[in-house]
Amino acid sequence: MTEPDKRTAIMKAAQQLIAEHGFHGTPTAMIAKQANVGAGTIYRYFENKDELIFAIHAELEEELQAQMHSGYDQGWSLQQRFSHLMDRLLRYLLERPQDFSFLEQFYNSPFGNDLRRDRLLSGGSSCGEDDRLHDVFEAGIREGAIKELPLLLVHALAIGPIVFLIKDVHAGLIKADETLINECIVGCWNAIKV
């Protein structure tokens, strides 16, 4: 296995195991075994398990943002931009239960809380530098189209229902058809619009 392949195998194994067993239930020895590498090999690529977790998160976030931005048109109305981004987010995570599980664990852990706090305190968005959804929220508040609430609350009102829908679909509690997806996105918009 080449060096880039080993790094990729380690990241894929860690993501899969963490999605199944959580951060604390996934020791590095288990990751090494799943990746078919020696336990010490992990430390040639990552200083520690935390660095590995952040690397997986960064890769998933980059992929998710690329999917959300695909086909995006800055010239659309706020509602059209919001709907496009939410539709892409929802469909992407519906199709990738393992990615969703990892990201949900990440953002509901000290890792995610610390990252969000650091980004917000530096004046950015909680999701990174190129966060068009955050930009839509800021523009909507400025233009009076979105309720003037703290941005964290706007994010929660808009994204919370999406997260719960994805969880319920992955748990087999509900089926996501076109009507349900569209109604969910409209409901999210209605929760934040003026």
N, C-alpha and C. Protein backbone atom coordinates (compact mmCIF):
# COMPACT_ATOMS: atom_id res chain seq x y z
N MET A 1 0.86 -1.18 0.00
CA MET A 1 0.00 0.00 0.00
C MET A 1 0.90 1.24 0.00
N THR A 2 0.62 2.21 -0.89
CA THR A 2 1.43 3.43 -0.95
C THR A 2 1.11 4.33 0.24
N GLU A 3 1.96 5.31 0.45
CA GLU A 3 1.78 6.23 1.58
C GLU A 3 0.43 6.96 1.56
N PRO A 4 0.02 7.56 0.41
CA PRO A 4 -1.30 8.21 0.40
C PRO A 4 -2.43 7.22 0.64
N ASP A 5 -2.26 5.99 0.13
CA ASP A 5 -3.29 4.97 0.34
C ASP A 5 -3.41 4.61 1.81
N LYS A 6 -2.29 4.54 2.52
CA LYS A 6 -2.32 4.23 3.95
C LYS A 6 -3.05 5.32 4.72
N ARG A 7 -2.73 6.56 4.41
CA ARG A 7 -3.39 7.68 5.09
C ARG A 7 -4.90 7.63 4.83
N THR A 8 -5.28 7.40 3.59
CA THR A 8 -6.70 7.30 3.22
C THR A 8 -7.36 6.14 3.93
N ALA A 9 -6.69 4.99 3.97
CA ALA A 9 -7.24 3.81 4.65
C ALA A 9 -7.45 4.08 6.13
N ILE A 10 -6.52 4.77 6.75
CA ILE A 10 -6.64 5.11 8.17
C ILE A 10 -7.83 6.03 8.39
N MET A 11 -7.97 7.03 7.55
CA MET A 11 -9.07 7.98 7.72
C MET A 11 -10.42 7.29 7.49
N LYS A 12 -10.51 6.45 6.47
CA LYS A 12 -11.77 5.76 6.18
C LYS A 12 -12.13 4.80 7.32
N ALA A 13 -11.15 4.07 7.81
CA ALA A 13 -11.40 3.14 8.92
C ALA A 13 -11.84 3.90 10.16
N ALA A 14 -11.15 4.98 10.47
CA ALA A 14 -11.50 5.77 11.66
C ALA A 14 -12.90 6.34 11.53
N GLN A 15 -13.23 6.88 10.38
CA GLN A 15 -14.56 7.45 10.19
C GLN A 15 -15.64 6.39 10.36
N GLN A 16 -15.45 5.24 9.75
CA GLN A 16 -16.43 4.16 9.84
C GLN A 16 -16.60 3.70 11.29
N LEU A 17 -15.49 3.47 11.97
CA LEU A 17 -15.56 2.97 13.35
C LEU A 17 -16.12 4.01 14.31
N ILE A 18 -15.74 5.26 14.12
CA ILE A 18 -16.27 6.31 14.99
C ILE A 18 -17.77 6.48 14.75
N ALA A 19 -18.20 6.39 13.49
CA ALA A 19 -19.64 6.48 13.19
C ALA A 19 -20.40 5.36 13.90
N GLU A 20 -19.78 4.18 14.01
CA GLU A 20 -20.44 3.03 14.64
C GLU A 20 -20.30 3.00 16.16
N HIS A 21 -19.10 3.36 16.66
CA HIS A 21 -18.79 3.15 18.08
C HIS A 21 -18.54 4.43 18.88
N GLY A 22 -18.51 5.57 18.22
CA GLY A 22 -18.23 6.82 18.92
C GLY A 22 -16.74 7.06 19.07
N PHE A 23 -16.39 8.25 19.52
CA PHE A 23 -14.99 8.63 19.68
C PHE A 23 -14.29 7.78 20.73
N HIS A 24 -14.93 7.63 21.88
CA HIS A 24 -14.29 6.91 22.98
C HIS A 24 -14.30 5.40 22.76
N GLY A 25 -15.22 4.90 21.97
CA GLY A 25 -15.30 3.47 21.70
C GLY A 25 -14.44 3.02 20.54
N THR A 26 -13.60 3.92 20.04
CA THR A 26 -12.76 3.61 18.88
C THR A 26 -11.29 3.90 19.20
N PRO A 27 -10.61 2.95 19.83
CA PRO A 27 -9.18 3.16 20.09
C PRO A 27 -8.36 3.09 18.81
N THR A 28 -7.17 3.66 18.84
CA THR A 28 -6.33 3.67 17.65
C THR A 28 -5.94 2.26 17.21
N ALA A 29 -5.81 1.31 18.14
CA ALA A 29 -5.49 -0.07 17.76
C ALA A 29 -6.60 -0.65 16.88
N MET A 30 -7.86 -0.31 17.20
CA MET A 30 -8.99 -0.79 16.40
C MET A 30 -8.95 -0.15 15.00
N ILE A 31 -8.59 1.12 14.95
CA ILE A 31 -8.49 1.82 13.66
C ILE A 31 -7.39 1.18 12.81
N ALA A 32 -6.24 0.93 13.42
CA ALA A 32 -5.12 0.33 12.68
C ALA A 32 -5.51 -1.04 12.13
N LYS A 33 -6.18 -1.85 12.94
CA LYS A 33 -6.59 -3.18 12.50
C LYS A 33 -7.55 -3.08 11.31
N GLN A 34 -8.55 -2.18 11.43
CA GLN A 34 -9.53 -2.00 10.34
C GLN A 34 -8.87 -1.49 9.06
N ALA A 35 -7.86 -0.63 9.22
CA ALA A 35 -7.15 -0.05 8.06
C ALA A 35 -6.08 -0.98 7.51
N ASN A 36 -5.83 -2.09 8.23
CA ASN A 36 -4.83 -3.07 7.83
C ASN A 36 -3.42 -2.46 7.80
N VAL A 37 -3.13 -1.67 8.84
CA VAL A 37 -1.80 -1.09 9.02
C VAL A 37 -1.34 -1.35 10.45
N GLY A 38 -0.08 -1.19 10.70
CA GLY A 38 0.44 -1.32 12.05
C GLY A 38 -0.04 -0.16 12.91
N ALA A 39 -0.17 -0.41 14.22
CA ALA A 39 -0.68 0.63 15.13
C ALA A 39 0.18 1.89 15.08
N GLY A 40 1.49 1.73 14.96
CA GLY A 40 2.38 2.89 14.91
C GLY A 40 2.27 3.69 13.62
N THR A 41 1.75 3.07 12.58
CA THR A 41 1.63 3.74 11.28
C THR A 41 0.72 4.96 11.37
N ILE A 42 -0.30 4.89 12.20
CA ILE A 42 -1.22 6.02 12.36
C ILE A 42 -0.45 7.28 12.74
N TYR A 43 0.57 7.11 13.60
CA TYR A 43 1.30 8.27 14.12
C TYR A 43 2.33 8.81 13.13
N ARG A 44 2.52 8.13 12.01
CA ARG A 44 3.34 8.72 10.94
C ARG A 44 2.55 9.79 10.19
N TYR A 45 1.21 9.69 10.24
CA TYR A 45 0.35 10.61 9.49
C TYR A 45 -0.38 11.61 10.38
N PHE A 46 -0.61 11.21 11.62
CA PHE A 46 -1.37 12.06 12.56
C PHE A 46 -0.66 12.05 13.90
N GLU A 47 -0.50 13.24 14.47
CA GLU A 47 0.21 13.34 15.75
C GLU A 47 -0.50 12.55 16.85
N ASN A 48 -1.84 12.57 16.80
CA ASN A 48 -2.64 11.85 17.80
C ASN A 48 -4.03 11.62 17.23
N LYS A 49 -4.85 10.96 18.01
CA LYS A 49 -6.21 10.64 17.56
C LYS A 49 -7.03 11.90 17.32
N ASP A 50 -6.83 12.93 18.14
CA ASP A 50 -7.57 14.19 17.94
C ASP A 50 -7.27 14.78 16.57
N GLU A 51 -5.99 14.77 16.18
CA GLU A 51 -5.63 15.32 14.87
C GLU A 51 -6.29 14.51 13.75
N LEU A 52 -6.37 13.20 13.92
CA LEU A 52 -7.04 12.34 12.95
C LEU A 52 -8.52 12.71 12.85
N ILE A 53 -9.16 12.92 13.99
CA ILE A 53 -10.58 13.29 14.01
C ILE A 53 -10.80 14.62 13.30
N PHE A 54 -9.95 15.60 13.56
CA PHE A 54 -10.09 16.90 12.90
C PHE A 54 -9.83 16.79 11.39
N ALA A 55 -8.91 15.92 10.99
CA ALA A 55 -8.64 15.73 9.56
C ALA A 55 -9.84 15.12 8.86
N ILE A 56 -10.48 14.15 9.50
CA ILE A 56 -11.69 13.54 8.91
C ILE A 56 -12.78 14.60 8.79
N HIS A 57 -12.97 15.36 9.87
CA HIS A 57 -14.00 16.42 9.84
C HIS A 57 -13.73 17.42 8.72
N ALA A 58 -12.48 17.87 8.60
CA ALA A 58 -12.15 18.87 7.57
C ALA A 58 -12.44 18.33 6.17
N GLU A 59 -12.11 17.07 5.94
CA GLU A 59 -12.37 16.47 4.62
C GLU A 59 -13.87 16.37 4.35
N LEU A 60 -14.63 15.92 5.35
CA LEU A 60 -16.08 15.80 5.17
C LEU A 60 -16.72 17.17 4.98
N GLU A 61 -16.28 18.15 5.74
CA GLU A 61 -16.84 19.50 5.61
C GLU A 61 -16.55 20.08 4.23
N GLU A 62 -15.35 19.83 3.73
CA GLU A 62 -15.00 20.32 2.39
C GLU A 62 -15.88 19.67 1.32
N GLU A 63 -16.09 18.36 1.43
CA GLU A 63 -16.94 17.65 0.48
C GLU A 63 -18.38 18.17 0.56
N LEU A 64 -18.87 18.36 1.77
CA LEU A 64 -20.25 18.82 1.97
C LEU A 64 -20.43 20.22 1.40
N GLN A 65 -19.50 21.12 1.68
CA GLN A 65 -19.60 22.48 1.15
C GLN A 65 -19.54 22.47 -0.38
N ALA A 66 -18.68 21.63 -0.96
CA ALA A 66 -18.59 21.54 -2.43
C ALA A 66 -19.92 21.07 -3.00
N GLN A 67 -20.57 20.10 -2.37
CA GLN A 67 -21.87 19.62 -2.84
C GLN A 67 -22.93 20.72 -2.72
N MET A 68 -22.92 21.42 -1.62
CA MET A 68 -23.92 22.48 -1.42
C MET A 68 -23.73 23.61 -2.43
N HIS A 69 -22.49 23.90 -2.77
CA HIS A 69 -22.21 25.03 -3.66
C HIS A 69 -22.38 24.69 -5.13
N SER A 70 -22.42 23.41 -5.44
CA SER A 70 -22.57 22.98 -6.83
C SER A 70 -23.89 23.50 -7.41
N GLY A 71 -23.79 24.22 -8.52
CA GLY A 71 -24.98 24.76 -9.18
C GLY A 71 -25.56 26.00 -8.52
N TYR A 72 -24.90 26.51 -7.52
CA TYR A 72 -25.38 27.67 -6.76
C TYR A 72 -25.22 28.94 -7.59
N ASP A 73 -26.22 29.81 -7.54
CA ASP A 73 -26.19 31.07 -8.29
C ASP A 73 -26.44 32.23 -7.34
N GLN A 74 -25.43 33.05 -7.17
CA GLN A 74 -25.51 34.20 -6.27
C GLN A 74 -26.60 35.19 -6.71
N GLY A 75 -27.01 35.12 -7.95
CA GLY A 75 -28.04 36.03 -8.46
C GLY A 75 -29.46 35.63 -8.09
N TRP A 76 -29.65 34.45 -7.54
CA TRP A 76 -30.98 34.03 -7.13
C TRP A 76 -31.48 34.84 -5.94
N SER A 77 -32.78 34.78 -5.71
CA SER A 77 -33.34 35.42 -4.53
C SER A 77 -32.82 34.71 -3.27
N LEU A 78 -32.96 35.36 -2.13
CA LEU A 78 -32.53 34.75 -0.87
C LEU A 78 -33.20 33.39 -0.66
N GLN A 79 -34.50 33.33 -0.90
CA GLN A 79 -35.21 32.07 -0.68
C GLN A 79 -34.72 30.99 -1.64
N GLN A 80 -34.45 31.34 -2.88
CA GLN A 80 -33.94 30.36 -3.84
C GLN A 80 -32.55 29.86 -3.43
N ARG A 81 -31.69 30.78 -2.98
CA ARG A 81 -30.35 30.38 -2.53
C ARG A 81 -30.46 29.47 -1.30
N PHE A 82 -31.31 29.87 -0.35
CA PHE A 82 -31.52 29.07 0.86
C PHE A 82 -32.03 27.67 0.48
N SER A 83 -33.03 27.61 -0.37
CA SER A 83 -33.63 26.33 -0.75
C SER A 83 -32.63 25.43 -1.45
N HIS A 84 -31.84 26.01 -2.34
CA HIS A 84 -30.82 25.22 -3.04
C HIS A 84 -29.82 24.62 -2.05
N LEU A 85 -29.30 25.45 -1.16
CA LEU A 85 -28.29 24.99 -0.21
C LEU A 85 -28.86 23.92 0.73
N MET A 86 -30.08 24.13 1.21
CA MET A 86 -30.69 23.17 2.12
C MET A 86 -31.03 21.87 1.41
N ASP A 87 -31.48 21.96 0.17
CA ASP A 87 -31.78 20.77 -0.61
C ASP A 87 -30.52 19.94 -0.82
N ARG A 88 -29.43 20.59 -1.18
CA ARG A 88 -28.16 19.89 -1.41
C ARG A 88 -27.64 19.28 -0.11
N LEU A 89 -27.75 20.02 0.98
CA LEU A 89 -27.33 19.52 2.30
C LEU A 89 -28.12 18.27 2.68
N LEU A 90 -29.42 18.38 2.59
CA LEU A 90 -30.31 17.30 2.99
C LEU A 90 -30.07 16.04 2.15
N ARG A 91 -30.05 16.19 0.85
CA ARG A 91 -29.88 15.02 -0.02
C ARG A 91 -28.49 14.38 0.15
N TYR A 92 -27.48 15.21 0.30
CA TYR A 92 -26.12 14.69 0.47
C TYR A 92 -26.02 13.83 1.73
N LEU A 93 -26.56 14.33 2.83
CA LEU A 93 -26.45 13.59 4.09
C LEU A 93 -27.43 12.42 4.17
N LEU A 94 -28.54 12.50 3.45
CA LEU A 94 -29.43 11.35 3.39
C LEU A 94 -28.74 10.17 2.69
N GLU A 95 -27.94 10.48 1.69
CA GLU A 95 -27.26 9.44 0.92
C GLU A 95 -26.01 8.91 1.61
N ARG A 96 -25.56 9.57 2.67
CA ARG A 96 -24.31 9.20 3.33
C ARG A 96 -24.49 9.08 4.84
N PRO A 97 -25.14 8.01 5.28
CA PRO A 97 -25.41 7.85 6.72
C PRO A 97 -24.14 7.86 7.58
N GLN A 98 -23.08 7.28 7.07
CA GLN A 98 -21.84 7.24 7.85
C GLN A 98 -21.25 8.64 8.02
N ASP A 99 -21.26 9.42 6.95
CA ASP A 99 -20.78 10.80 7.04
C ASP A 99 -21.64 11.59 8.03
N PHE A 100 -22.96 11.42 7.93
CA PHE A 100 -23.87 12.12 8.83
C PHE A 100 -23.60 11.73 10.28
N SER A 101 -23.45 10.45 10.54
CA SER A 101 -23.21 9.98 11.90
C SER A 101 -21.93 10.57 12.47
N PHE A 102 -20.87 10.57 11.65
CA PHE A 102 -19.61 11.15 12.11
C PHE A 102 -19.78 12.64 12.41
N LEU A 103 -20.36 13.37 11.46
CA LEU A 103 -20.52 14.82 11.64
C LEU A 103 -21.40 15.16 12.83
N GLU A 104 -22.46 14.39 13.02
CA GLU A 104 -23.34 14.65 14.16
C GLU A 104 -22.59 14.44 15.47
N GLN A 105 -21.82 13.36 15.56
CA GLN A 105 -21.03 13.13 16.76
C GLN A 105 -20.01 14.25 16.96
N PHE A 106 -19.38 14.64 15.86
CA PHE A 106 -18.36 15.69 15.95
C PHE A 106 -18.96 16.99 16.49
N TYR A 107 -20.07 17.43 15.90
CA TYR A 107 -20.65 18.71 16.30
C TYR A 107 -21.34 18.68 17.65
N ASN A 108 -21.61 17.50 18.17
CA ASN A 108 -22.20 17.37 19.50
C ASN A 108 -21.18 16.90 20.52
N SER A 109 -19.93 17.23 20.27
CA SER A 109 -18.84 16.85 21.17
C SER A 109 -18.00 18.08 21.48
N PRO A 110 -17.09 17.97 22.43
CA PRO A 110 -16.17 19.10 22.67
C PRO A 110 -15.39 19.50 21.42
N PHE A 111 -15.08 18.54 20.52
CA PHE A 111 -14.37 18.89 19.28
C PHE A 111 -15.16 19.94 18.50
N GLY A 112 -16.43 19.65 18.25
CA GLY A 112 -17.27 20.56 17.47
C GLY A 112 -17.57 21.85 18.20
N ASN A 113 -17.83 21.75 19.50
CA ASN A 113 -18.12 22.96 20.28
C ASN A 113 -16.93 23.91 20.27
N ASP A 114 -15.72 23.37 20.46
CA ASP A 114 -14.52 24.21 20.46
C ASP A 114 -14.29 24.84 19.09
N LEU A 115 -14.47 24.06 18.03
CA LEU A 115 -14.27 24.58 16.67
C LEU A 115 -15.27 25.69 16.36
N ARG A 116 -16.54 25.46 16.66
CA ARG A 116 -17.56 26.48 16.41
C ARG A 116 -17.27 27.75 17.20
N ARG A 117 -16.92 27.60 18.48
CA ARG A 117 -16.63 28.76 19.32
C ARG A 117 -15.46 29.55 18.74
N ASP A 118 -14.38 28.85 18.36
CA ASP A 118 -13.20 29.52 17.81
C ASP A 118 -13.55 30.28 16.53
N ARG A 119 -14.33 29.66 15.65
CA ARG A 119 -14.71 30.32 14.39
C ARG A 119 -15.59 31.53 14.64
N LEU A 120 -16.56 31.38 15.53
CA LEU A 120 -17.48 32.48 15.79
C LEU A 120 -16.78 33.64 16.49
N LEU A 121 -15.87 33.34 17.43
CA LEU A 121 -15.15 34.40 18.13
C LEU A 121 -14.20 35.15 17.21
N SER A 122 -13.77 34.47 16.13
CA SER A 122 -12.88 35.15 15.18
C SER A 122 -13.69 35.94 14.14
N GLY A 123 -15.03 35.95 14.30
CA GLY A 123 -15.89 36.74 13.42
C GLY A 123 -16.37 36.00 12.19
N GLY A 124 -16.11 34.71 12.11
CA GLY A 124 -16.53 33.94 10.95
C GLY A 124 -17.82 33.18 11.20
N SER A 125 -18.09 32.26 10.31
CA SER A 125 -19.26 31.40 10.43
C SER A 125 -18.89 30.17 11.23
N SER A 126 -19.88 29.49 11.74
CA SER A 126 -19.61 28.28 12.52
C SER A 126 -19.23 27.11 11.64
N CYS A 127 -19.38 27.26 10.32
CA CYS A 127 -19.12 26.14 9.39
C CYS A 127 -17.93 26.36 8.49
N GLY A 128 -17.14 27.39 8.71
CA GLY A 128 -15.96 27.59 7.89
C GLY A 128 -16.01 28.88 7.09
N GLU A 129 -14.95 29.09 6.33
CA GLU A 129 -14.79 30.36 5.62
C GLU A 129 -15.74 30.53 4.44
N ASP A 130 -15.96 29.48 3.69
CA ASP A 130 -16.81 29.60 2.50
C ASP A 130 -18.18 28.99 2.80
N ASP A 131 -18.91 29.65 3.68
CA ASP A 131 -20.21 29.14 4.13
C ASP A 131 -21.30 30.02 3.53
N ARG A 132 -21.82 29.60 2.41
CA ARG A 132 -22.82 30.42 1.70
C ARG A 132 -24.14 30.48 2.45
N LEU A 133 -24.46 29.45 3.21
CA LEU A 133 -25.69 29.48 4.00
C LEU A 133 -25.61 30.58 5.05
N HIS A 134 -24.48 30.68 5.70
CA HIS A 134 -24.24 31.75 6.67
C HIS A 134 -24.37 33.12 5.98
N ASP A 135 -23.82 33.22 4.78
CA ASP A 135 -23.91 34.47 4.02
C ASP A 135 -25.36 34.82 3.69
N VAL A 136 -26.17 33.80 3.35
CA VAL A 136 -27.59 34.01 3.08
C VAL A 136 -28.28 34.53 4.34
N PHE A 137 -27.96 33.94 5.48
CA PHE A 137 -28.58 34.38 6.74
C PHE A 137 -28.22 35.83 7.04
N GLU A 138 -26.95 36.16 6.90
CA GLU A 138 -26.52 37.54 7.18
C GLU A 138 -27.19 38.52 6.23
N ALA A 139 -27.22 38.21 4.94
CA ALA A 139 -27.85 39.08 3.95
C ALA A 139 -29.34 39.21 4.24
N GLY A 140 -30.00 38.11 4.58
CA GLY A 140 -31.43 38.13 4.87
C GLY A 140 -31.77 38.99 6.06
N ILE A 141 -30.94 38.94 7.08
CA ILE A 141 -31.16 39.79 8.27
C ILE A 141 -30.95 41.25 7.90
N ARG A 142 -29.87 41.52 7.17
CA ARG A 142 -29.58 42.90 6.74
C ARG A 142 -30.71 43.49 5.90
N GLU A 143 -31.27 42.65 5.01
CA GLU A 143 -32.32 43.11 4.09
C GLU A 143 -33.71 43.04 4.70
N GLY A 144 -33.83 42.54 5.90
CA GLY A 144 -35.13 42.45 6.56
C GLY A 144 -35.99 41.31 6.07
N ALA A 145 -35.40 40.33 5.37
CA ALA A 145 -36.15 39.18 4.88
C ALA A 145 -36.13 38.02 5.87
N ILE A 146 -35.13 38.02 6.73
CA ILE A 146 -34.98 36.98 7.76
C ILE A 146 -35.04 37.66 9.12
N LYS A 147 -35.68 36.96 10.06
CA LYS A 147 -35.85 37.51 11.41
C LYS A 147 -34.53 37.96 12.00
N GLU A 148 -34.57 39.10 12.67
CA GLU A 148 -33.36 39.61 13.29
C GLU A 148 -33.14 38.91 14.63
N LEU A 149 -32.46 37.79 14.54
CA LEU A 149 -32.15 36.94 15.69
C LEU A 149 -30.65 36.68 15.69
N PRO A 150 -30.10 36.24 16.81
CA PRO A 150 -28.69 35.84 16.78
C PRO A 150 -28.48 34.76 15.70
N LEU A 151 -27.37 34.84 15.00
CA LEU A 151 -27.13 33.91 13.89
C LEU A 151 -27.16 32.45 14.33
N LEU A 152 -26.70 32.18 15.55
CA LEU A 152 -26.75 30.80 16.03
C LEU A 152 -28.18 30.29 16.09
N LEU A 153 -29.11 31.16 16.49
CA LEU A 153 -30.51 30.76 16.56
C LEU A 153 -31.09 30.58 15.15
N VAL A 154 -30.72 31.44 14.22
CA VAL A 154 -31.18 31.30 12.84
C VAL A 154 -30.69 29.96 12.28
N HIS A 155 -29.42 29.65 12.54
CA HIS A 155 -28.88 28.36 12.10
C HIS A 155 -29.68 27.21 12.71
N ALA A 156 -29.95 27.29 14.00
CA ALA A 156 -30.68 26.21 14.69
C ALA A 156 -32.09 26.04 14.13
N LEU A 157 -32.78 27.15 13.89
CA LEU A 157 -34.15 27.07 13.36
C LEU A 157 -34.17 26.51 11.94
N ALA A 158 -33.15 26.84 11.17
CA ALA A 158 -33.11 26.41 9.77
C ALA A 158 -32.58 24.99 9.61
N ILE A 159 -31.60 24.61 10.39
CA ILE A 159 -30.94 23.34 10.18
C ILE A 159 -31.46 22.24 11.11
N GLY A 160 -31.98 22.62 12.27
CA GLY A 160 -32.47 21.63 13.23
C GLY A 160 -33.46 20.63 12.64
N PRO A 161 -34.49 21.10 11.93
CA PRO A 161 -35.43 20.15 11.34
C PRO A 161 -34.79 19.21 10.31
N ILE A 162 -33.81 19.72 9.58
CA ILE A 162 -33.09 18.90 8.60
C ILE A 162 -32.37 17.76 9.32
N VAL A 163 -31.69 18.09 10.41
CA VAL A 163 -30.93 17.09 11.17
C VAL A 163 -31.87 16.01 11.69
N PHE A 164 -32.99 16.42 12.26
CA PHE A 164 -33.93 15.43 12.81
C PHE A 164 -34.55 14.57 11.71
N LEU A 165 -34.84 15.16 10.57
CA LEU A 165 -35.38 14.38 9.46
C LEU A 165 -34.36 13.33 8.99
N ILE A 166 -33.11 13.73 8.84
CA ILE A 166 -32.07 12.80 8.42
C ILE A 166 -31.94 11.66 9.43
N LYS A 167 -31.92 12.00 10.71
CA LYS A 167 -31.82 10.96 11.75
C LYS A 167 -32.98 9.98 11.65
N ASP A 168 -34.18 10.49 11.48
CA ASP A 168 -35.36 9.62 11.42
C ASP A 168 -35.37 8.76 10.16
N VAL A 169 -34.90 9.31 9.05
CA VAL A 169 -34.81 8.51 7.82
C VAL A 169 -33.78 7.40 8.01
N HIS A 170 -32.61 7.75 8.54
CA HIS A 170 -31.57 6.74 8.75
C HIS A 170 -32.00 5.67 9.75
N ALA A 171 -32.84 6.04 10.69
CA ALA A 171 -33.34 5.07 11.68
C ALA A 171 -34.49 4.23 11.13
N GLY A 172 -34.95 4.56 9.93
CA GLY A 172 -36.04 3.81 9.31
C GLY A 172 -37.42 4.19 9.83
N LEU A 173 -37.52 5.34 10.48
CA LEU A 173 -38.79 5.78 11.04
C LEU A 173 -39.69 6.47 10.02
N ILE A 174 -39.07 6.99 8.96
CA ILE A 174 -39.83 7.73 7.95
C ILE A 174 -39.09 7.60 6.63
N LYS A 175 -39.82 7.72 5.54
CA LYS A 175 -39.22 7.70 4.20
C LYS A 175 -39.18 9.12 3.66
N ALA A 176 -38.08 9.48 3.08
CA ALA A 176 -37.95 10.83 2.52
C ALA A 176 -38.23 10.79 1.03
N ASP A 177 -39.43 11.23 0.65
CA ASP A 177 -39.74 11.36 -0.78
C ASP A 177 -39.63 12.83 -1.16
N GLU A 178 -39.86 13.13 -2.43
CA GLU A 178 -39.71 14.51 -2.92
C GLU A 178 -40.60 15.49 -2.16
N THR A 179 -41.83 15.09 -1.90
CA THR A 179 -42.77 15.97 -1.21
C THR A 179 -42.27 16.29 0.19
N LEU A 180 -41.83 15.28 0.91
CA LEU A 180 -41.35 15.48 2.28
C LEU A 180 -40.11 16.37 2.31
N ILE A 181 -39.18 16.11 1.40
CA ILE A 181 -37.96 16.93 1.33
C ILE A 181 -38.32 18.39 1.06
N ASN A 182 -39.19 18.62 0.08
CA ASN A 182 -39.57 20.00 -0.25
C ASN A 182 -40.32 20.67 0.89
N GLU A 183 -41.24 19.95 1.53
CA GLU A 183 -41.99 20.52 2.65
C GLU A 183 -41.07 20.84 3.83
N CYS A 184 -40.09 20.01 4.07
CA CYS A 184 -39.15 20.27 5.15
C CYS A 184 -38.37 21.56 4.89
N ILE A 185 -37.90 21.73 3.66
CA ILE A 185 -37.14 22.94 3.32
C ILE A 185 -38.02 24.18 3.40
N VAL A 186 -39.25 24.09 2.93
CA VAL A 186 -40.19 25.22 3.03
C VAL A 186 -40.45 25.53 4.50
N GLY A 187 -40.61 24.50 5.31
CA GLY A 187 -40.83 24.72 6.75
C GLY A 187 -39.65 25.40 7.40
N CYS A 188 -38.45 25.03 6.99
CA CYS A 188 -37.24 25.67 7.54
C CYS A 188 -37.19 27.15 7.14
N TRP A 189 -37.53 27.43 5.89
CA TRP A 189 -37.56 28.83 5.43
C TRP A 189 -38.61 29.62 6.20
N ASN A 190 -39.79 29.03 6.38
CA ASN A 190 -40.86 29.71 7.11
C ASN A 190 -40.49 29.99 8.56
N ALA A 191 -39.63 29.17 9.13
CA ALA A 191 -39.21 29.36 10.52
C ALA A 191 -38.33 30.59 10.69
N ILE A 192 -37.61 30.99 9.61
CA ILE A 192 -36.68 32.10 9.76
C ILE A 192 -37.09 33.36 9.02
N LYS A 193 -38.00 33.25 8.05
CA LYS A 193 -38.36 34.45 7.26
C LYS A 193 -39.23 35.40 8.09
N VAL A 194 -39.19 36.65 7.69
CA VAL A 194 -39.99 37.67 8.36
C VAL A 194 -41.43 37.54 7.91
